[in-house]
PDB file of N, CA and C in Angstrom:
ATOM      1  N   MET A   1     -82.151  73.609 278.276  1.00  0.00           N
ATOM      2  CA  MET A   1     -82.515  72.656 277.238  1.00  0.00           C
ATOM      3  C   MET A   1     -82.016  73.191 275.893  1.00  0.00           C
ATOM      4  N   SER A   2     -81.258  72.383 275.174  1.00  0.00           N
ATOM      5  CA  SER A   2     -80.740  72.828 273.881  1.00  0.00           C
ATOM      6  C   SER A   2     -81.693  72.411 272.763  1.00  0.00           C
ATOM      7  N   VAL A   3     -81.714  73.235 271.752  1.00  0.00           N
ATOM      8  CA  VAL A   3     -82.581  72.977 270.603  1.00  0.00           C
ATOM      9  C   VAL A   3     -81.719  72.421 269.471  1.00  0.00           C
ATOM     10  N   VAL A   4     -82.140  71.315 268.920  1.00  0.00           N
ATOM     11  CA  VAL A   4     -81.429  70.713 267.801  1.00  0.00           C
ATOM     12  C   VAL A   4     -81.922  71.382 266.522  1.00  0.00           C
ATOM     13  N   PRO A   5     -81.007  71.965 265.736  1.00  0.00           N
ATOM     14  CA  PRO A   5     -81.453  72.629 264.511  1.00  0.00           C
ATOM     15  C   PRO A   5     -81.985  71.627 263.491  1.00  0.00           C
ATOM     16  N   GLU A   6     -82.900  72.109 262.670  1.00  0.00           N
ATOM     17  CA  GLU A   6     -83.429  71.279 261.587  1.00  0.00           C
ATOM     18  C   GLU A   6     -82.295  70.970 260.612  1.00  0.00           C
ATOM     19  N   PRO A   7     -82.218  69.744 260.092  1.00  0.00           N
ATOM     20  CA  PRO A   7     -81.167  69.446 259.108  1.00  0.00           C
ATOM     21  C   PRO A   7     -81.433  70.197 257.814  1.00  0.00           C
ATOM     22  N   HIS A   8     -80.374  70.559 257.147  1.00  0.00           N
ATOM     23  CA  HIS A   8     -80.492  71.234 255.853  1.00  0.00           C
ATOM     24  C   HIS A   8     -81.051  70.226 254.848  1.00  0.00           C
ATOM     25  N   PRO A   9     -81.939  70.648 253.928  1.00  0.00           N
ATOM     26  CA  PRO A   9     -82.526  69.713 252.954  1.00  0.00           C
ATOM     27  C   PRO A   9     -81.490  68.956 252.126  1.00  0.00           C
ATOM     28  N   ILE A  10     -80.343  69.570 251.889  1.00  0.00           N
ATOM     29  CA  ILE A  10     -79.337  68.892 251.070  1.00  0.00           C
ATOM     30  C   ILE A  10     -78.774  67.660 251.766  1.00  0.00           C
ATOM     31  N   GLN A  11     -78.925  67.598 253.083  1.00  0.00           N
ATOM     32  CA  GLN A  11     -78.408  66.441 253.814  1.00  0.00           C
ATOM     33  C   GLN A  11     -79.061  65.137 253.375  1.00  0.00           C
ATOM     34  N   GLN A  12     -80.276  65.204 252.872  1.00  0.00           N
ATOM     35  CA  GLN A  12     -80.932  63.978 252.410  1.00  0.00           C
ATOM     36  C   GLN A  12     -80.275  63.439 251.135  1.00  0.00           C
ATOM     37  N   TRP A  13     -79.566  64.290 250.413  1.00  0.00           N
ATOM     38  CA  TRP A  13     -78.918  63.877 249.174  1.00  0.00           C
ATOM     39  C   TRP A  13     -77.523  63.317 249.411  1.00  0.00           C
ATOM     40  N   LEU A  14     -76.894  63.735 250.505  1.00  0.00           N
ATOM     41  CA  LEU A  14     -75.491  63.402 250.740  1.00  0.00           C
ATOM     42  C   LEU A  14     -75.343  62.332 251.810  1.00  0.00           C
ATOM     43  N   THR A  15     -74.258  61.593 251.705  1.00  0.00           N
ATOM     44  CA  THR A  15     -73.933  60.672 252.783  1.00  0.00           C
ATOM     45  C   THR A  15     -73.410  61.493 253.950  1.00  0.00           C
ATOM     46  N   ASP A  16     -73.360  60.897 255.140  1.00  0.00           N
ATOM     47  CA  ASP A  16     -72.820  61.612 256.295  1.00  0.00           C
ATOM     48  C   ASP A  16     -71.385  62.054 256.036  1.00  0.00           C
ATOM     49  N   GLU A  17     -70.626  61.201 255.379  1.00  0.00           N
ATOM     50  CA  GLU A  17     -69.225  61.532 255.069  1.00  0.00           C
ATOM     51  C   GLU A  17     -69.142  62.752 254.133  1.00  0.00           C
ATOM     52  N   GLN A  18     -69.995  62.784 253.112  1.00  0.00           N
ATOM     53  CA  GLN A  18     -70.007  63.920 252.190  1.00  0.00           C
ATOM     54  C   GLN A  18     -70.427  65.201 252.910  1.00  0.00           C
ATOM     55  N   TRP A  19     -71.438  65.100 253.790  1.00  0.00           N
ATOM     56  CA  TRP A  19     -71.906  66.262 254.533  1.00  0.00           C
ATOM     57  C   TRP A  19     -70.802  66.811 255.421  1.00  0.00           C
ATOM     58  N   GLN A  20     -70.110  65.928 256.134  1.00  0.00           N
ATOM     59  CA  GLN A  20     -69.027  66.361 257.011  1.00  0.00           C
ATOM     60  C   GLN A  20     -67.889  66.991 256.211  1.00  0.00           C
ATOM     61  N   ALA A  21     -67.586  66.436 255.033  1.00  0.00           N
ATOM     62  CA  ALA A  21     -66.541  67.002 254.177  1.00  0.00           C
ATOM     63  C   ALA A  21     -66.939  68.394 253.693  1.00  0.00           C
ATOM     64  N   LEU A  22     -68.204  68.565 253.341  1.00  0.00           N
ATOM     65  CA  LEU A  22     -68.694  69.871 252.905  1.00  0.00           C
ATOM     66  C   LEU A  22     -68.579  70.885 254.039  1.00  0.00           C
ATOM     67  N   LEU A  23     -68.989  70.498 255.236  1.00  0.00           N
ATOM     68  CA  LEU A  23     -68.883  71.397 256.383  1.00  0.00           C
ATOM     69  C   LEU A  23     -67.428  71.756 256.685  1.00  0.00           C
ATOM     70  N   ALA A  24     -66.552  70.765 256.622  1.00  0.00           N
ATOM     71  CA  ALA A  24     -65.134  71.019 256.913  1.00  0.00           C
ATOM     72  C   ALA A  24     -64.524  71.953 255.875  1.00  0.00           C
ATOM     73  N   ALA A  25     -64.897  71.786 254.615  1.00  0.00           N
ATOM     74  CA  ALA A  25     -64.319  72.597 253.540  1.00  0.00           C
ATOM     75  C   ALA A  25     -64.872  74.015 253.527  1.00  0.00           C
ATOM     76  N   ARG A  26     -66.120  74.191 253.915  1.00  0.00           N
ATOM     77  CA  ARG A  26     -66.770  75.490 253.767  1.00  0.00           C
ATOM     78  C   ARG A  26     -67.258  76.089 255.078  1.00  0.00           C
ATOM     79  N   ALA A  27     -66.895  75.522 256.207  1.00  0.00           N
ATOM     80  CA  ALA A  27     -67.411  75.969 257.504  1.00  0.00           C
ATOM     81  C   ALA A  27     -67.200  77.465 257.700  1.00  0.00           C
ATOM     82  N   GLY A  28     -68.246  78.133 258.120  1.00  0.00           N
ATOM     83  CA  GLY A  28     -68.169  79.562 258.403  1.00  0.00           C
ATOM     84  C   GLY A  28     -68.301  80.454 257.184  1.00  0.00           C
ATOM     85  N   ARG A  29     -68.381  79.885 256.003  1.00  0.00           N
ATOM     86  CA  ARG A  29     -68.529  80.682 254.781  1.00  0.00           C
ATOM     87  C   ARG A  29     -69.819  80.306 254.080  1.00  0.00           C
ATOM     88  N   ARG A  30     -70.399  81.281 253.426  1.00  0.00           N
ATOM     89  CA  ARG A  30     -71.613  81.014 252.660  1.00  0.00           C
ATOM     90  C   ARG A  30     -71.262  80.204 251.422  1.00  0.00           C
ATOM     91  N   ILE A  31     -72.168  79.319 251.074  1.00  0.00           N
ATOM     92  CA  ILE A  31     -72.016  78.577 249.826  1.00  0.00           C
ATOM     93  C   ILE A  31     -73.351  78.588 249.109  1.00  0.00           C
ATOM     94  N   TYR A  32     -73.283  78.515 247.809  1.00  0.00           N
ATOM     95  CA  TYR A  32     -74.492  78.465 246.997  1.00  0.00           C
ATOM     96  C   TYR A  32     -74.888  77.003 246.822  1.00  0.00           C
ATOM     97  N   ILE A  33     -76.097  76.678 247.203  1.00  0.00           N
ATOM     98  CA  ILE A  33     -76.630  75.338 247.001  1.00  0.00           C
ATOM     99  C   ILE A  33     -77.848  75.485 246.098  1.00  0.00           C
ATOM    100  N   PRO A  34     -77.743  75.049 244.846  1.00  0.00           N
ATOM    101  CA  PRO A  34     -78.856  75.218 243.923  1.00  0.00           C
ATOM    102  C   PRO A  34     -80.078  74.410 244.346  1.00  0.00           C
ATOM    103  N   THR A  35     -81.253  74.960 244.097  1.00  0.00           N
ATOM    104  CA  THR A  35     -82.489  74.261 244.417  1.00  0.00           C
ATOM    105  C   THR A  35     -82.656  73.032 243.537  1.00  0.00           C
ATOM    106  N   HIS A  36     -82.349  73.165 242.263  1.00  0.00           N
ATOM    107  CA  HIS A  36     -82.466  72.066 241.309  1.00  0.00           C
ATOM    108  C   HIS A  36     -81.141  71.913 240.567  1.00  0.00           C
ATOM    109  N   PRO A  37     -80.148  71.309 241.210  1.00  0.00           N
ATOM    110  CA  PRO A  37     -78.845  71.183 240.537  1.00  0.00           C
ATOM    111  C   PRO A  37     -78.918  70.249 239.341  1.00  0.00           C
ATOM    112  N   LYS A  38     -78.160  70.575 238.307  1.00  0.00           N
ATOM    113  CA  LYS A  38     -78.079  69.703 237.139  1.00  0.00           C
ATOM    114  C   LYS A  38     -77.378  68.410 237.557  1.00  0.00           C
ATOM    115  N   PRO A  39     -77.605  67.311 236.830  1.00  0.00           N
ATOM    116  CA  PRO A  39     -77.031  66.024 237.239  1.00  0.00           C
ATOM    117  C   PRO A  39     -75.515  66.039 237.410  1.00  0.00           C
ATOM    118  N   GLU A  40     -74.825  66.859 236.627  1.00  0.00           N
ATOM    119  CA  GLU A  40     -73.358  66.873 236.711  1.00  0.00           C
ATOM    120  C   GLU A  40     -72.834  67.702 237.889  1.00  0.00           C
ATOM    121  N   HIS A  41     -73.723  68.431 238.560  1.00  0.00           N
ATOM    122  CA  HIS A  41     -73.298  69.252 239.700  1.00  0.00           C
ATOM    123  C   HIS A  41     -72.870  68.346 240.846  1.00  0.00           C
ATOM    124  N   PRO A  42     -71.772  68.680 241.541  1.00  0.00           N
ATOM    125  CA  PRO A  42     -71.298  67.805 242.623  1.00  0.00           C
ATOM    126  C   PRO A  42     -72.305  67.616 243.760  1.00  0.00           C
ATOM    127  N   LEU A  43     -73.251  68.527 243.917  1.00  0.00           N
ATOM    128  CA  LEU A  43     -74.245  68.398 244.975  1.00  0.00           C
ATOM    129  C   LEU A  43     -75.571  67.835 244.466  1.00  0.00           C
ATOM    130  N   ALA A  44     -75.598  67.371 243.244  1.00  0.00           N
ATOM    131  CA  ALA A  44     -76.834  66.833 242.677  1.00  0.00           C
ATOM    132  C   ALA A  44     -77.209  65.535 243.381  1.00  0.00           C
ATOM    133  N   PRO A  45     -78.507  65.352 243.638  1.00  0.00           N
ATOM    134  CA  PRO A  45     -78.918  64.090 244.252  1.00  0.00           C
ATOM    135  C   PRO A  45     -78.664  62.934 243.301  1.00  0.00           C
ATOM    136  N   LYS A  46     -78.415  61.795 243.855  1.00  0.00           N
ATOM    137  CA  LYS A  46     -78.133  60.616 243.036  1.00  0.00           C
ATOM    138  C   LYS A  46     -79.408  59.900 242.610  1.00  0.00           C
ATOM    139  N   HIS A  47     -80.539  60.353 243.099  1.00  0.00           N
ATOM    140  CA  HIS A  47     -81.801  59.672 242.819  1.00  0.00           C
ATOM    141  C   HIS A  47     -82.793  60.641 242.184  1.00  0.00           C
ATOM    142  N   GLN A  48     -82.491  61.086 240.981  1.00  0.00           N
ATOM    143  CA  GLN A  48     -83.400  61.994 240.291  1.00  0.00           C
ATOM    144  C   GLN A  48     -84.430  61.197 239.503  1.00  0.00           C
ATOM    145  N   SER A  49     -85.563  61.792 239.319  1.00  0.00           N
ATOM    146  CA  SER A  49     -86.595  61.136 238.523  1.00  0.00           C
ATOM    147  C   SER A  49     -86.176  61.162 237.053  1.00  0.00           C
ATOM    148  N   ALA A  50     -86.816  60.312 236.286  1.00  0.00           N
ATOM    149  CA  ALA A  50     -86.516  60.262 234.852  1.00  0.00           C
ATOM    150  C   ALA A  50     -86.806  61.618 234.208  1.00  0.00           C
ATOM    151  N   TRP A  51     -87.879  62.272 234.660  1.00  0.00           N
ATOM    152  CA  TRP A  51     -88.220  63.570 234.077  1.00  0.00           C
ATOM    153  C   TRP A  51     -87.148  64.601 234.384  1.00  0.00           C
ATOM    154  N   ASP A  52     -86.589  64.596 235.605  1.00  0.00           N
ATOM    155  CA  ASP A  52     -85.505  65.514 235.938  1.00  0.00           C
ATOM    156  C   ASP A  52     -84.290  65.258 235.061  1.00  0.00           C
ATOM    157  N   ARG A  53     -83.959  63.977 234.873  1.00  0.00           N
ATOM    158  CA  ARG A  53     -82.814  63.666 234.003  1.00  0.00           C
ATOM    159  C   ARG A  53     -83.090  64.143 232.585  1.00  0.00           C
ATOM    160  N   LEU A  54     -84.319  63.956 232.135  1.00  0.00           N
ATOM    161  CA  LEU A  54     -84.699  64.338 230.779  1.00  0.00           C
ATOM    162  C   LEU A  54     -84.614  65.848 230.579  1.00  0.00           C
ATOM    163  N   ARG A  55     -85.038  66.617 231.585  1.00  0.00           N
ATOM    164  CA  ARG A  55     -85.010  68.074 231.460  1.00  0.00           C
ATOM    165  C   ARG A  55     -83.608  68.576 231.199  1.00  0.00           C
ATOM    166  N   TYR A  56     -82.607  67.903 231.753  1.00  0.00           N
ATOM    167  CA  TYR A  56     -81.240  68.380 231.641  1.00  0.00           C
ATOM    168  C   TYR A  56     -80.434  67.662 230.575  1.00  0.00           C
ATOM    169  N   SER A  57     -81.030  66.742 229.886  1.00  0.00           N
ATOM    170  CA  SER A  57     -80.256  65.978 228.924  1.00  0.00           C
ATOM    171  C   SER A  57     -80.837  66.085 227.516  1.00  0.00           C
ATOM    172  N   ASP A  58     -80.207  66.916 226.719  1.00  0.00           N
ATOM    173  CA  ASP A  58     -80.612  67.010 225.317  1.00  0.00           C
ATOM    174  C   ASP A  58     -80.354  65.692 224.600  1.00  0.00           C
ATOM    175  N   ASN A  59     -79.355  64.939 225.072  1.00  0.00           N
ATOM    176  CA  ASN A  59     -79.043  63.660 224.435  1.00  0.00           C
ATOM    177  C   ASN A  59     -80.191  62.668 224.588  1.00  0.00           C
ATOM    178  N   ILE A  60     -80.806  62.623 225.756  1.00  0.00           N
ATOM    179  CA  ILE A  60     -81.926  61.701 225.957  1.00  0.00           C
ATOM    180  C   ILE A  60     -83.107  62.121 225.094  1.00  0.00           C
ATOM    181  N   ARG A  61     -83.392  63.421 225.070  1.00  0.00           N
ATOM    182  CA  ARG A  61     -84.494  63.908 224.221  1.00  0.00           C
ATOM    183  C   ARG A  61     -84.241  63.565 222.759  1.00  0.00           C
ATOM    184  N   ALA A  62     -83.026  63.785 222.308  1.00  0.00           N
ATOM    185  CA  ALA A  62     -82.683  63.492 220.914  1.00  0.00           C
ATOM    186  C   ALA A  62     -82.823  62.000 220.626  1.00  0.00           C
ATOM    187  N   GLU A  63     -82.406  61.183 221.577  1.00  0.00           N
ATOM    188  CA  GLU A  63     -82.518  59.732 221.400  1.00  0.00           C
ATOM    189  C   GLU A  63     -83.978  59.302 221.357  1.00  0.00           C
ATOM    190  N   ILE A  64     -84.809  59.887 222.194  1.00  0.00           N
ATOM    191  CA  ILE A  64     -86.247  59.569 222.168  1.00  0.00           C
ATOM    192  C   ILE A  64     -86.835  59.936 220.813  1.00  0.00           C
ATOM    193  N   ARG A  65     -86.513  61.128 220.317  1.00  0.00           N
ATOM    194  CA  ARG A  65     -87.034  61.550 218.998  1.00  0.00           C
ATOM    195  C   ARG A  65     -86.512  60.645 217.883  1.00  0.00           C
ATOM    196  N   ARG A  66     -85.238  60.265 217.979  1.00  0.00           N
ATOM    197  CA  ARG A  66     -84.645  59.405 216.949  1.00  0.00           C
ATOM    198  C   ARG A  66     -85.357  58.054 216.921  1.00  0.00           C
ATOM    199  N   LEU A  67     -85.582  57.471 218.094  1.00  0.00           N
ATOM    200  CA  LEU A  67     -86.259  56.172 218.152  1.00  0.00           C
ATOM    201  C   LEU A  67     -87.703  56.277 217.679  1.00  0.00           C
ATOM    202  N   ALA A  68     -88.352  57.404 217.974  1.00  0.00           N
ATOM    203  CA  ALA A  68     -89.732  57.599 217.527  1.00  0.00           C
ATOM    204  C   ALA A  68     -89.805  57.677 216.005  1.00  0.00           C
ATOM    205  N   THR A  69     -88.825  58.344 215.391  1.00  0.00           N
ATOM    206  CA  THR A  69     -88.834  58.447 213.922  1.00  0.00           C
ATOM    207  C   THR A  69     -88.548  57.099 213.266  1.00  0.00           C
ATOM    208  N   GLN A  70     -87.962  56.182 214.018  1.00  0.00           N
ATOM    209  CA  GLN A  70     -87.727  54.833 213.499  1.00  0.00           C
ATOM    210  C   GLN A  70     -88.962  53.948 213.629  1.00  0.00           C
ATOM    211  N   GLY A  71     -90.034  54.520 214.207  1.00  0.00           N
ATOM    212  CA  GLY A  71     -91.292  53.795 214.298  1.00  0.00           C
ATOM    213  C   GLY A  71     -91.529  53.062 215.605  1.00  0.00           C
ATOM    214  N   MET A  72     -90.663  53.272 216.578  1.00  0.00           N
ATOM    215  CA  MET A  72     -90.869  52.607 217.869  1.00  0.00           C
ATOM    216  C   MET A  72     -92.029  53.273 218.615  1.00  0.00           C
ATOM    217  N   THR A  73     -92.757  52.481 219.374  1.00  0.00           N
ATOM    218  CA  THR A  73     -93.855  53.018 220.177  1.00  0.00           C
ATOM    219  C   THR A  73     -93.292  53.665 221.443  1.00  0.00           C
ATOM    220  N   ARG A  74     -94.155  54.436 222.122  1.00  0.00           N
ATOM    221  CA  ARG A  74     -93.731  55.053 223.387  1.00  0.00           C
ATOM    222  C   ARG A  74     -93.289  53.998 224.383  1.00  0.00           C
ATOM    223  N   GLU A  75     -94.031  52.914 224.460  1.00  0.00           N
ATOM    224  CA  GLU A  75     -93.712  51.848 225.404  1.00  0.00           C
ATOM    225  C   GLU A  75     -92.373  51.199 225.070  1.00  0.00           C
ATOM    226  N   GLN A  76     -92.100  50.978 223.785  1.00  0.00           N
ATOM    227  CA  GLN A  76     -90.831  50.382 223.382  1.00  0.00           C
ATOM    228  C   GLN A  76     -89.662  51.318 223.710  1.00  0.00           C
ATOM    229  N   ILE A  77     -89.852  52.603 223.436  1.00  0.00           N
ATOM    230  CA  ILE A  77     -88.806  53.587 223.733  1.00  0.00           C
ATOM    231  C   ILE A  77     -88.564  53.646 225.239  1.00  0.00           C
ATOM    232  N   ALA A  78     -89.639  53.685 226.001  1.00  0.00           N
ATOM    233  CA  ALA A  78     -89.523  53.752 227.464  1.00  0.00           C
ATOM    234  C   ALA A  78     -88.765  52.541 227.997  1.00  0.00           C
ATOM    235  N   SER A  79     -89.084  51.378 227.487  1.00  0.00           N
ATOM    236  CA  SER A  79     -88.417  50.160 227.935  1.00  0.00           C
ATOM    237  C   SER A  79     -86.932  50.185 227.578  1.00  0.00           C
ATOM    238  N   LYS A  80     -86.636  50.600 226.368  1.00  0.00           N
ATOM    239  CA  LYS A  80     -85.240  50.635 225.906  1.00  0.00           C
ATOM    240  C   LYS A  80     -84.402  51.631 226.709  1.00  0.00           C
ATOM    241  N   LEU A  81     -84.968  52.813 227.005  1.00  0.00           N
ATOM    242  CA  LEU A  81     -84.217  53.861 227.694  1.00  0.00           C
ATOM    243  C   LEU A  81     -84.410  53.842 229.212  1.00  0.00           C
ATOM    244  N   LYS A  82     -85.246  52.899 229.684  1.00  0.00           N
ATOM    245  CA  LYS A  82     -85.516  52.764 231.126  1.00  0.00           C
ATOM    246  C   LYS A  82     -86.122  54.030 231.728  1.00  0.00           C
ATOM    247  N   VAL A  83     -87.121  54.550 231.040  1.00  0.00           N
ATOM    248  CA  VAL A  83     -87.905  55.686 231.521  1.00  0.00           C
ATOM    249  C   VAL A  83     -89.374  55.310 231.367  1.00  0.00           C
ATOM    250  N   SER A  84     -90.273  56.127 231.902  1.00  0.00           N
ATOM    251  CA  SER A  84     -91.695  55.827 231.765  1.00  0.00           C
ATOM    252  C   SER A  84     -92.208  56.280 230.397  1.00  0.00           C
ATOM    253  N   SER A  85     -93.345  55.712 229.991  1.00  0.00           N
ATOM    254  CA  SER A  85     -93.926  56.136 228.706  1.00  0.00           C
ATOM    255  C   SER A  85     -94.401  57.579 228.801  1.00  0.00           C
ATOM    256  N   LYS A  86     -94.760  58.035 230.007  1.00  0.00           N
ATOM    257  CA  LYS A  86     -95.146  59.438 230.193  1.00  0.00           C
ATOM    258  C   LYS A  86     -93.945  60.356 229.947  1.00  0.00           C
ATOM    259  N   THR A  87     -92.767  59.927 230.378  1.00  0.00           N
ATOM    260  CA  THR A  87     -91.553  60.706 230.130  1.00  0.00           C
ATOM    261  C   THR A  87     -91.298  60.805 228.633  1.00  0.00           C
ATOM    262  N   VAL A  88     -91.490  59.707 227.926  1.00  0.00           N
ATOM    263  CA  VAL A  88     -91.313  59.713 226.469  1.00  0.00           C
ATOM    264  C   VAL A  88     -92.323  60.652 225.838  1.00  0.00           C
ATOM    265  N   TYR A  89     -93.568  60.580 226.288  1.00  0.00           N
ATOM    266  CA  TYR A  89     -94.614  61.457 225.771  1.00  0.00           C
ATOM    267  C   TYR A  89     -94.235  62.922 225.948  1.00  0.00           C
ATOM    268  N   ARG A  90     -93.764  63.266 227.157  1.00  0.00           N
ATOM    269  CA  ARG A  90     -93.372  64.656 227.419  1.00  0.00           C
ATOM    270  C   ARG A  90     -92.232  65.102 226.506  1.00  0.00           C
ATOM    271  N   ALA A  91     -91.273  64.223 226.285  1.00  0.00           N
ATOM    272  CA  ALA A  91     -90.144  64.576 225.442  1.00  0.00           C
ATOM    273  C   ALA A  91     -90.571  64.778 223.994  1.00  0.00           C
ATOM    274  N   LEU A  92     -91.488  63.956 223.533  1.00  0.00           N
ATOM    275  CA  LEU A  92     -91.954  64.091 222.151  1.00  0.00           C
ATOM    276  C   LEU A  92     -92.852  65.310 221.973  1.00  0.00           C
ATOM    277  N   ARG A  93     -93.502  65.716 223.040  1.00  0.00           N
ATOM    278  CA  ARG A  93     -94.371  66.894 222.995  1.00  0.00           C
ATOM    279  C   ARG A  93     -93.592  68.191 222.912  1.00  0.00           C
ATOM    280  N   GLN A  94     -92.386  68.182 223.480  1.00  0.00           N
ATOM    281  CA  GLN A  94     -91.558  69.394 223.496  1.00  0.00           C
ATOM    282  C   GLN A  94     -90.975  69.651 222.115  1.00  0.00           C
ATOM    283  N   ALA A  95     -90.895  70.921 221.785  1.00  0.00           N
ATOM    284  CA  ALA A  95     -90.254  71.289 220.517  1.00  0.00           C
ATOM    285  C   ALA A  95     -88.741  71.156 220.672  1.00  0.00           C
ATOM    286  N   PRO A  96     -88.040  70.660 219.653  1.00  0.00           N
ATOM    287  CA  PRO A  96     -86.591  70.565 219.737  1.00  0.00           C
ATOM    288  C   PRO A  96     -85.964  71.956 219.870  1.00  0.00           C
ATOM    289  N   HIS A  97     -84.860  72.005 220.614  1.00  0.00           N
ATOM    290  CA  HIS A  97     -84.169  73.295 220.814  1.00  0.00           C
ATOM    291  C   HIS A  97     -83.261  73.589 219.659  1.00  0.00           C
TER     292      HIS A  97
END
């Protein structure tokens, strides 16, 4: 009886075609797969939460702060940027870098 190995967690992020291409390109060699890849990383999942996108995007944080200084509410900012009001709250709570 053969045992089917557990799929690698990254397989949930990639299409079957992408997974097969990765195996063909790197088969037999170690590769680094980041636990939390930045959005621009080729292995980054395509379905990140708004908070994940926000953590890696100074531009989004800056835009949230800019809109807040113009007097927009959290709800208005969230609607405009297509994020949750909680995401806006978190961004405004963080000190600028």
